Structures are given as C-alpha cells and as structure tokens.
C-alpha cells in the first residue's frame, strides 16, 4: 500500500511539471498576464509581486485534496495526489524563488551542471519582457541545449 501511495505522489509531482509548463505558457503568458507581468519587468517595489498570486492559486488543489483524503490516508489517493502537488510546489518555490531569483539569499553559487542549466534556461525565459515570443516555460525539465552548454 505504501509503495502505491509513494508512486502516486512521485508521478503527481512529475506530472505537475507539465501542468506548470502549460499554465505558464498559456495562462500566465495569456489571459492572466496582468498578474505575471511584474515578474518580468520588475515593476513591483516590495518583497511581494502580483505574480505571487499564482502561489495561492496553485496551492488550492493540493490543500483541498490533502484535506479530503486525510481521514483515510492509506486508502484515499486524493491525499497522495495532494501531497504530490504540494511537493512540486515546494520544489518549484525552492528552485524558482530561492535559487534562481534569490528572494532569500541562500543557494547563491553552485557547480552542479543541472542547476546551472536551470538558471540559464530561466534567464533565457526572462529576456523576453512581453507575453509574446517566450521560451523555456518549464522549471525542472531543462532543454537539452542548456544542459549541454554546462558540459563545456
């Protein structure tokens, strides 16, 4: 039973990379650009950005599923799907907000090629200041060309 639940958790977290890519490309750079724009043009003056609204939006399904599945944790897969969504949210926050954007001054330097490739891909994403012509919308899956650049 535990193995099945752990597999569900991991598969959900992996699937969330696709959800994040899709949402970033078609929602954040689409009809909700007005909430994401300040993340690209850095017009916000304080610690928080309008873009932070997406953290709340993405937390709702995970928290809801954890709450709905909490009474029968071994049998109810909603708990494990919710935990998978929450795990991905934690990983996204750690990589995006702490490692890449340095909202907290931790994890500044690394020699790990994978993390350097993630940082490069995100830098390429941010070179576009408008919602059009974007690239590299994912977070944890790095296009091969950026990973290969780190091998040189």
Foldseek 3Di string as FASTA:
>chain_A
DVVVLVVLLQVLLVVVLVVQLCCQQDPCLHPVVVQVLCVQVVPDDDLDGSVCVVLVVLLVQLVVLLVVCVVPVVPRSSNSSSNSSVVNSVVCCCLPVCAQVNSDVPNPDDLDLQSQLLNVLVVQQSVDNHSPPGDSRGHNDGPVVSSVVSVD
